[in-house]
Amino acid sequence: MKVGRELSTQPAGAESAAASRSPYWGVPVARAIPALLTGLLITFLANHSSQIGLLAFGAYSLTSGLLIAVLSLRTMPRSTSRSLFVLQGIVMAVAGILALALNSFPLAFLFYLVSVSSAIAAMLELYSGIRARGTNPAAKDWIVVGSATAVLALSFLLLPLTAVVAVGILGAYGIMLGIFLLIAGLSLRWGTTPNPTTQVDDK
């Protein structure tokens, strides 16, 4: 009987402690850092050539992809959402490697690489957010980030951009995304809603 009472009362306290210690809020904060650095770097550079665009996008995409993949594995429960974020991180990392390795390629390659990789990342993050809506407090942030990334992809795919404008859009995207992710992460850390890692978003 004593053991039974201990087993019945322990899970609630353990679950509460786990929620308060959950590190997921650090994931959007970590993602904000390379985004902000990329945006600020582009802002203060006078050279907005396609090579600079590929180097900036490559560094951002590789760093962000690795952060997303590794931190998702470490902080999210085993679920479809975690698998999608790991896949998203891999796609971004591969795009970053290609951009850095082929930075001497013409402007058309920058358009193609940004539009394709951003479209894939946007779809994965949007799907994760829509799927977890109502069960995970981070879902709305995933939807916003996915939507912003989709706009970036469409801009590079459909608009007749020059190199200067294209690189400028990358910089603006980095700054806006970084600010949003920083606010989102701190809101998850200090907000009153449950931490996303304590929510069940997959059946």
C-alpha atoms as a PDB file:
ATOM      1  CA  MET A   1       0.000   0.000   0.000  1.00  0.00           C
ATOM      2  CA  LYS A   2       2.786   2.382   0.807  1.00  0.00           C
ATOM      3  CA  VAL A   3       4.498   1.636  -2.469  1.00  0.00           C
ATOM      4  CA  GLY A   4       1.207   2.134  -4.295  1.00  0.00           C
ATOM      5  CA  ARG A   5       0.721   5.557  -2.697  1.00  0.00           C
ATOM      6  CA  GLU A   6       4.249   6.586  -3.601  1.00  0.00           C
ATOM      7  CA  LEU A   7       3.757   5.509  -7.196  1.00  0.00           C
ATOM      8  CA  SER A   8       0.482   7.382  -7.478  1.00  0.00           C
ATOM      9  CA  THR A   9       1.826  10.689  -6.139  1.00  0.00           C
ATOM     10  CA  GLN A  10       5.291  10.762  -7.686  1.00  0.00           C
ATOM     11  CA  PRO A  11       4.474  11.234 -11.405  1.00  0.00           C
ATOM     12  CA  ALA A  12       2.715  14.593 -10.925  1.00  0.00           C
ATOM     13  CA  GLY A  13       5.684  16.120  -9.127  1.00  0.00           C
ATOM     14  CA  ALA A  14       8.159  14.592 -11.544  1.00  0.00           C
ATOM     15  CA  GLU A  15       6.181  15.856 -14.513  1.00  0.00           C
ATOM     16  CA  SER A  16       6.028  19.372 -13.046  1.00  0.00           C
ATOM     17  CA  ALA A  17       9.778  19.383 -12.389  1.00  0.00           C
ATOM     18  CA  ALA A  18      10.485  18.141 -15.902  1.00  0.00           C
ATOM     19  CA  ALA A  19       8.347  20.920 -17.365  1.00  0.00           C
ATOM     20  CA  SER A  20      10.232  23.606 -15.445  1.00  0.00           C
ATOM     21  CA  ARG A  21      13.606  22.211 -16.495  1.00  0.00           C
ATOM     22  CA  SER A  22      12.756  21.676 -20.159  1.00  0.00           C
ATOM     23  CA  PRO A  23      15.360  23.338 -22.408  1.00  0.00           C
ATOM     24  CA  TYR A  24      13.205  23.698 -25.541  1.00  0.00           C
ATOM     25  CA  TRP A  25      12.944  27.463 -25.165  1.00  0.00           C
ATOM     26  CA  GLY A  26      16.650  27.613 -26.007  1.00  0.00           C
ATOM     27  CA  VAL A  27      16.048  26.198 -29.493  1.00  0.00           C
ATOM     28  CA  PRO A  28      14.419  29.317 -30.985  1.00  0.00           C
ATOM     29  CA  VAL A  29      16.911  31.494 -29.118  1.00  0.00           C
ATOM     30  CA  ALA A  30      19.789  29.500 -30.627  1.00  0.00           C
ATOM     31  CA  ARG A  31      18.191  29.754 -34.091  1.00  0.00           C
ATOM     32  CA  ALA A  32      17.921  33.522 -33.659  1.00  0.00           C
ATOM     33  CA  ILE A  33      21.689  34.014 -33.320  1.00  0.00           C
ATOM     34  CA  PRO A  34      22.855  33.022 -36.855  1.00  0.00           C
ATOM     35  CA  ALA A  35      19.820  34.772 -38.358  1.00  0.00           C
ATOM     36  CA  LEU A  36      20.634  38.050 -36.612  1.00  0.00           C
ATOM     37  CA  LEU A  37      24.352  37.791 -37.356  1.00  0.00           C
ATOM     38  CA  THR A  38      23.645  37.179 -41.045  1.00  0.00           C
ATOM     39  CA  GLY A  39      21.244  40.105 -41.237  1.00  0.00           C
ATOM     40  CA  LEU A  40      23.622  42.475 -39.478  1.00  0.00           C
ATOM     41  CA  LEU A  41      26.601  41.338 -41.562  1.00  0.00           C
ATOM     42  CA  ILE A  42      24.738  41.977 -44.816  1.00  0.00           C
ATOM     43  CA  THR A  43      23.483  45.335 -43.541  1.00  0.00           C
ATOM     44  CA  PHE A  44      26.983  46.627 -42.856  1.00  0.00           C
ATOM     45  CA  LEU A  45      28.591  45.232 -46.022  1.00  0.00           C
ATOM     46  CA  ALA A  46      28.777  47.531 -49.019  1.00  0.00           C
ATOM     47  CA  ASN A  47      29.295  44.604 -51.389  1.00  0.00           C
ATOM     48  CA  HIS A  48      25.985  42.912 -52.183  1.00  0.00           C
ATOM     49  CA  SER A  49      27.181  40.679 -54.997  1.00  0.00           C
ATOM     50  CA  SER A  50      25.893  37.195 -55.682  1.00  0.00           C
ATOM     51  CA  GLN A  51      29.083  35.762 -54.152  1.00  0.00           C
ATOM     52  CA  ILE A  52      28.419  37.598 -50.901  1.00  0.00           C
ATOM     53  CA  GLY A  53      24.844  36.377 -51.035  1.00  0.00           C
ATOM     54  CA  LEU A  54      25.932  32.769 -51.419  1.00  0.00           C
ATOM     55  CA  LEU A  55      28.505  33.065 -48.644  1.00  0.00           C
ATOM     56  CA  ALA A  56      26.034  34.722 -46.269  1.00  0.00           C
ATOM     57  CA  PHE A  57      23.234  32.300 -47.081  1.00  0.00           C
ATOM     58  CA  GLY A  58      25.613  29.354 -46.873  1.00  0.00           C
ATOM     59  CA  ALA A  59      26.927  30.296 -43.445  1.00  0.00           C
ATOM     60  CA  TYR A  60      23.414  30.960 -42.127  1.00  0.00           C
ATOM     61  CA  SER A  61      21.853  27.846 -43.622  1.00  0.00           C
ATOM     62  CA  LEU A  62      24.627  25.496 -42.518  1.00  0.00           C
ATOM     63  CA  THR A  63      24.733  26.849 -38.962  1.00  0.00           C
ATOM     64  CA  SER A  64      20.957  26.981 -38.584  1.00  0.00           C
ATOM     65  CA  GLY A  65      20.509  23.532 -40.084  1.00  0.00           C
ATOM     66  CA  LEU A  66      22.958  21.950 -37.663  1.00  0.00           C
ATOM     67  CA  LEU A  67      21.361  23.749 -34.707  1.00  0.00           C
ATOM     68  CA  ILE A  68      17.856  22.690 -35.709  1.00  0.00           C
ATOM     69  CA  ALA A  69      18.799  19.050 -36.262  1.00  0.00           C
ATOM     70  CA  VAL A  70      20.930  18.603 -33.147  1.00  0.00           C
ATOM     71  CA  LEU A  71      18.788  20.605 -30.716  1.00  0.00           C
ATOM     72  CA  SER A  72      15.558  19.018 -31.958  1.00  0.00           C
ATOM     73  CA  LEU A  73      17.010  15.591 -31.200  1.00  0.00           C
ATOM     74  CA  ARG A  74      18.088  16.716 -27.745  1.00  0.00           C
ATOM     75  CA  THR A  75      15.042  18.690 -26.603  1.00  0.00           C
ATOM     76  CA  MET A  76      11.963  17.324 -28.400  1.00  0.00           C
ATOM     77  CA  PRO A  77      10.234  14.044 -27.516  1.00  0.00           C
ATOM     78  CA  ARG A  78      10.308  11.226 -30.039  1.00  0.00           C
ATOM     79  CA  SER A  79       7.583  12.235 -32.493  1.00  0.00           C
ATOM     80  CA  THR A  80       6.777  13.052 -36.090  1.00  0.00           C
ATOM     81  CA  SER A  81       7.477  16.725 -35.384  1.00  0.00           C
ATOM     82  CA  ARG A  82      10.985  15.937 -34.182  1.00  0.00           C
ATOM     83  CA  SER A  83      11.655  13.863 -37.302  1.00  0.00           C
ATOM     84  CA  LEU A  84      10.425  16.700 -39.519  1.00  0.00           C
ATOM     85  CA  PHE A  85      12.662  19.239 -37.797  1.00  0.00           C
ATOM     86  CA  VAL A  86      15.668  16.947 -38.088  1.00  0.00           C
ATOM     87  CA  LEU A  87      14.919  16.561 -41.796  1.00  0.00           C
ATOM     88  CA  GLN A  88      14.552  20.314 -42.116  1.00  0.00           C
ATOM     89  CA  GLY A  89      17.910  20.812 -40.445  1.00  0.00           C
ATOM     90  CA  ILE A  90      19.570  18.355 -42.819  1.00  0.00           C
ATOM     91  CA  VAL A  91      18.082  20.086 -45.874  1.00  0.00           C
ATOM     92  CA  MET A  92      19.286  23.477 -44.662  1.00  0.00           C
ATOM     93  CA  ALA A  93      22.747  22.170 -43.815  1.00  0.00           C
ATOM     94  CA  VAL A  94      23.157  20.607 -47.267  1.00  0.00           C
ATOM     95  CA  ALA A  95      22.010  23.849 -48.914  1.00  0.00           C
ATOM     96  CA  GLY A  96      24.531  25.750 -46.806  1.00  0.00           C
ATOM     97  CA  ILE A  97      27.375  23.468 -47.823  1.00  0.00           C
ATOM     98  CA  LEU A  98      26.459  23.866 -51.499  1.00  0.00           C
ATOM     99  CA  ALA A  99      26.286  27.650 -51.187  1.00  0.00           C
ATOM    100  CA  LEU A 100      29.689  27.864 -49.494  1.00  0.00           C
ATOM    101  CA  ALA A 101      31.362  25.404 -51.839  1.00  0.00           C
ATOM    102  CA  LEU A 102      29.927  26.951 -55.025  1.00  0.00           C
ATOM    103  CA  ASN A 103      30.032  30.618 -54.035  1.00  0.00           C
ATOM    104  CA  SER A 104      31.577  31.611 -57.377  1.00  0.00           C
ATOM    105  CA  PHE A 105      28.493  30.442 -59.283  1.00  0.00           C
ATOM    106  CA  PRO A 106      26.289  33.094 -60.958  1.00  0.00           C
ATOM    107  CA  LEU A 107      23.273  34.873 -59.499  1.00  0.00           C
ATOM    108  CA  ALA A 108      20.850  32.330 -60.970  1.00  0.00           C
ATOM    109  CA  PHE A 109      22.327  29.654 -58.694  1.00  0.00           C
ATOM    110  CA  LEU A 110      21.666  31.833 -55.635  1.00  0.00           C
ATOM    111  CA  PHE A 111      18.036  32.231 -56.728  1.00  0.00           C
ATOM    112  CA  TYR A 112      17.633  28.510 -57.329  1.00  0.00           C
ATOM    113  CA  LEU A 113      19.297  27.388 -54.102  1.00  0.00           C
ATOM    114  CA  VAL A 114      17.473  29.848 -51.844  1.00  0.00           C
ATOM    115  CA  SER A 115      14.068  29.246 -53.426  1.00  0.00           C
ATOM    116  CA  VAL A 116      14.277  25.430 -53.381  1.00  0.00           C
ATOM    117  CA  SER A 117      15.809  24.964 -49.927  1.00  0.00           C
ATOM    118  CA  SER A 118      13.594  27.648 -48.362  1.00  0.00           C
ATOM    119  CA  ALA A 119      10.477  26.133 -49.916  1.00  0.00           C
ATOM    120  CA  ILE A 120      11.298  22.701 -48.459  1.00  0.00           C
ATOM    121  CA  ALA A 121      12.134  24.159 -45.032  1.00  0.00           C
ATOM    122  CA  ALA A 122       8.953  26.255 -45.077  1.00  0.00           C
ATOM    123  CA  MET A 123       6.724  23.298 -45.923  1.00  0.00           C
ATOM    124  CA  LEU A 124       8.244  21.133 -43.190  1.00  0.00           C
ATOM    125  CA  GLU A 125       7.948  23.823 -40.512  1.00  0.00           C
ATOM    126  CA  LEU A 126       4.459  24.865 -41.582  1.00  0.00           C
ATOM    127  CA  TYR A 127       3.275  21.258 -41.520  1.00  0.00           C
ATOM    128  CA  SER A 128       4.756  20.774 -38.048  1.00  0.00           C
ATOM    129  CA  GLY A 129       3.039  23.919 -36.796  1.00  0.00           C
ATOM    130  CA  ILE A 130      -0.350  23.125 -38.308  1.00  0.00           C
ATOM    131  CA  ARG A 131      -0.197  19.534 -37.078  1.00  0.00           C
ATOM    132  CA  ALA A 132       0.663  20.575 -33.510  1.00  0.00           C
ATOM    133  CA  ARG A 133      -1.744  23.525 -33.362  1.00  0.00           C
ATOM    134  CA  GLY A 134      -3.821  23.431 -30.186  1.00  0.00           C
ATOM    135  CA  THR A 135      -1.548  20.921 -28.429  1.00  0.00           C
ATOM    136  CA  ASN A 136       1.866  22.631 -28.506  1.00  0.00           C
ATOM    137  CA  PRO A 137       2.447  26.297 -27.555  1.00  0.00           C
ATOM    138  CA  ALA A 138       5.352  26.508 -30.011  1.00  0.00           C
ATOM    139  CA  ALA A 139       3.109  25.595 -32.949  1.00  0.00           C
ATOM    140  CA  LYS A 140       2.112  29.190 -33.700  1.00  0.00           C
ATOM    141  CA  ASP A 141       5.785  30.180 -33.813  1.00  0.00           C
ATOM    142  CA  TRP A 142       6.519  27.373 -36.273  1.00  0.00           C
ATOM    143  CA  ILE A 143       3.649  28.594 -38.470  1.00  0.00           C
ATOM    144  CA  VAL A 144       4.961  32.170 -38.458  1.00  0.00           C
ATOM    145  CA  VAL A 145       8.542  31.101 -39.238  1.00  0.00           C
ATOM    146  CA  GLY A 146       7.365  28.701 -41.938  1.00  0.00           C
ATOM    147  CA  SER A 147       5.229  31.417 -43.529  1.00  0.00           C
ATOM    148  CA  ALA A 148       8.102  33.918 -43.500  1.00  0.00           C
ATOM    149  CA  THR A 149      10.420  31.349 -45.085  1.00  0.00           C
ATOM    150  CA  ALA A 150       7.789  30.591 -47.727  1.00  0.00           C
ATOM    151  CA  VAL A 151       7.650  34.310 -48.601  1.00  0.00           C
ATOM    152  CA  LEU A 152      11.443  34.295 -48.962  1.00  0.00           C
ATOM    153  CA  ALA A 153      11.257  31.298 -51.306  1.00  0.00           C
ATOM    154  CA  LEU A 154       8.538  32.888 -53.438  1.00  0.00           C
ATOM    155  CA  SER A 155      10.443  36.181 -53.625  1.00  0.00           C
ATOM    156  CA  PHE A 156      13.533  34.476 -55.023  1.00  0.00           C
ATOM    157  CA  LEU A 157      11.443  32.301 -57.334  1.00  0.00           C
ATOM    158  CA  LEU A 158       9.039  34.824 -58.832  1.00  0.00           C
ATOM    159  CA  LEU A 159      10.451  38.344 -58.533  1.00  0.00           C
ATOM    160  CA  PRO A 160      12.965  39.762 -61.048  1.00  0.00           C
ATOM    161  CA  LEU A 161      15.588  40.586 -58.433  1.00  0.00           C
ATOM    162  CA  THR A 162      19.015  42.116 -58.944  1.00  0.00           C
ATOM    163  CA  ALA A 163      21.943  40.893 -56.854  1.00  0.00           C
ATOM    164  CA  VAL A 164      21.791  43.955 -54.595  1.00  0.00           C
ATOM    165  CA  VAL A 165      18.062  43.554 -53.912  1.00  0.00           C
ATOM    166  CA  ALA A 166      18.321  39.774 -53.465  1.00  0.00           C
ATOM    167  CA  VAL A 167      21.111  40.024 -50.901  1.00  0.00           C
ATOM    168  CA  GLY A 168      19.257  42.867 -49.194  1.00  0.00           C
ATOM    169  CA  ILE A 169      16.174  40.656 -48.878  1.00  0.00           C
ATOM    170  CA  LEU A 170      18.316  37.955 -47.285  1.00  0.00           C
ATOM    171  CA  GLY A 171      19.575  40.488 -44.755  1.00  0.00           C
ATOM    172  CA  ALA A 172      16.095  41.760 -43.943  1.00  0.00           C
ATOM    173  CA  TYR A 173      14.828  38.192 -43.578  1.00  0.00           C
ATOM    174  CA  GLY A 174      17.668  37.376 -41.186  1.00  0.00           C
ATOM    175  CA  ILE A 175      17.019  40.364 -38.939  1.00  0.00           C
ATOM    176  CA  MET A 176      13.231  39.943 -38.819  1.00  0.00           C
ATOM    177  CA  LEU A 177      13.480  36.190 -38.285  1.00  0.00           C
ATOM    178  CA  GLY A 178      16.125  36.573 -35.606  1.00  0.00           C
ATOM    179  CA  ILE A 179      14.106  39.124 -33.637  1.00  0.00           C
ATOM    180  CA  PHE A 180      10.972  36.999 -33.837  1.00  0.00           C
ATOM    181  CA  LEU A 181      12.752  33.802 -32.762  1.00  0.00           C
ATOM    182  CA  LEU A 182      14.409  35.586 -29.858  1.00  0.00           C
ATOM    183  CA  ILE A 183      11.067  36.899 -28.615  1.00  0.00           C
ATOM    184  CA  ALA A 184       9.413  33.504 -29.191  1.00  0.00           C
ATOM    185  CA  GLY A 185      12.089  31.665 -27.217  1.00  0.00           C
ATOM    186  CA  LEU A 186      11.985  34.065 -24.285  1.00  0.00           C
ATOM    187  CA  SER A 187       8.181  33.927 -24.295  1.00  0.00           C
ATOM    188  CA  LEU A 188       8.323  30.132 -23.994  1.00  0.00           C
ATOM    189  CA  ARG A 189      10.867  30.448 -21.196  1.00  0.00           C
ATOM    190  CA  TRP A 190       9.063  33.045 -19.098  1.00  0.00           C
ATOM    191  CA  GLY A 191       5.462  32.593 -20.234  1.00  0.00           C
ATOM    192  CA  THR A 192       2.737  30.893 -18.289  1.00  0.00           C
ATOM    193  CA  THR A 193       1.890  28.327 -20.978  1.00  0.00           C
ATOM    194  CA  PRO A 194       3.227  24.762 -20.631  1.00  0.00           C
ATOM    195  CA  ASN A 195       6.543  24.013 -22.266  1.00  0.00           C
ATOM    196  CA  PRO A 196       6.234  22.449 -25.723  1.00  0.00           C
ATOM    197  CA  THR A 197       8.262  19.390 -24.755  1.00  0.00           C
ATOM    198  CA  THR A 198       5.623  18.446 -22.182  1.00  0.00           C
ATOM    199  CA  GLN A 199       2.865  18.502 -24.807  1.00  0.00           C
ATOM    200  CA  VAL A 200       1.857  15.511 -26.902  1.00  0.00           C
ATOM    201  CA  ASP A 201       1.628  16.606 -30.542  1.00  0.00           C
ATOM    202  CA  ASP A 202       1.624  13.160 -32.116  1.00  0.00           C
ATOM    203  CA  LYS A 203      -0.732  10.273 -31.797  1.00  0.00           C
END
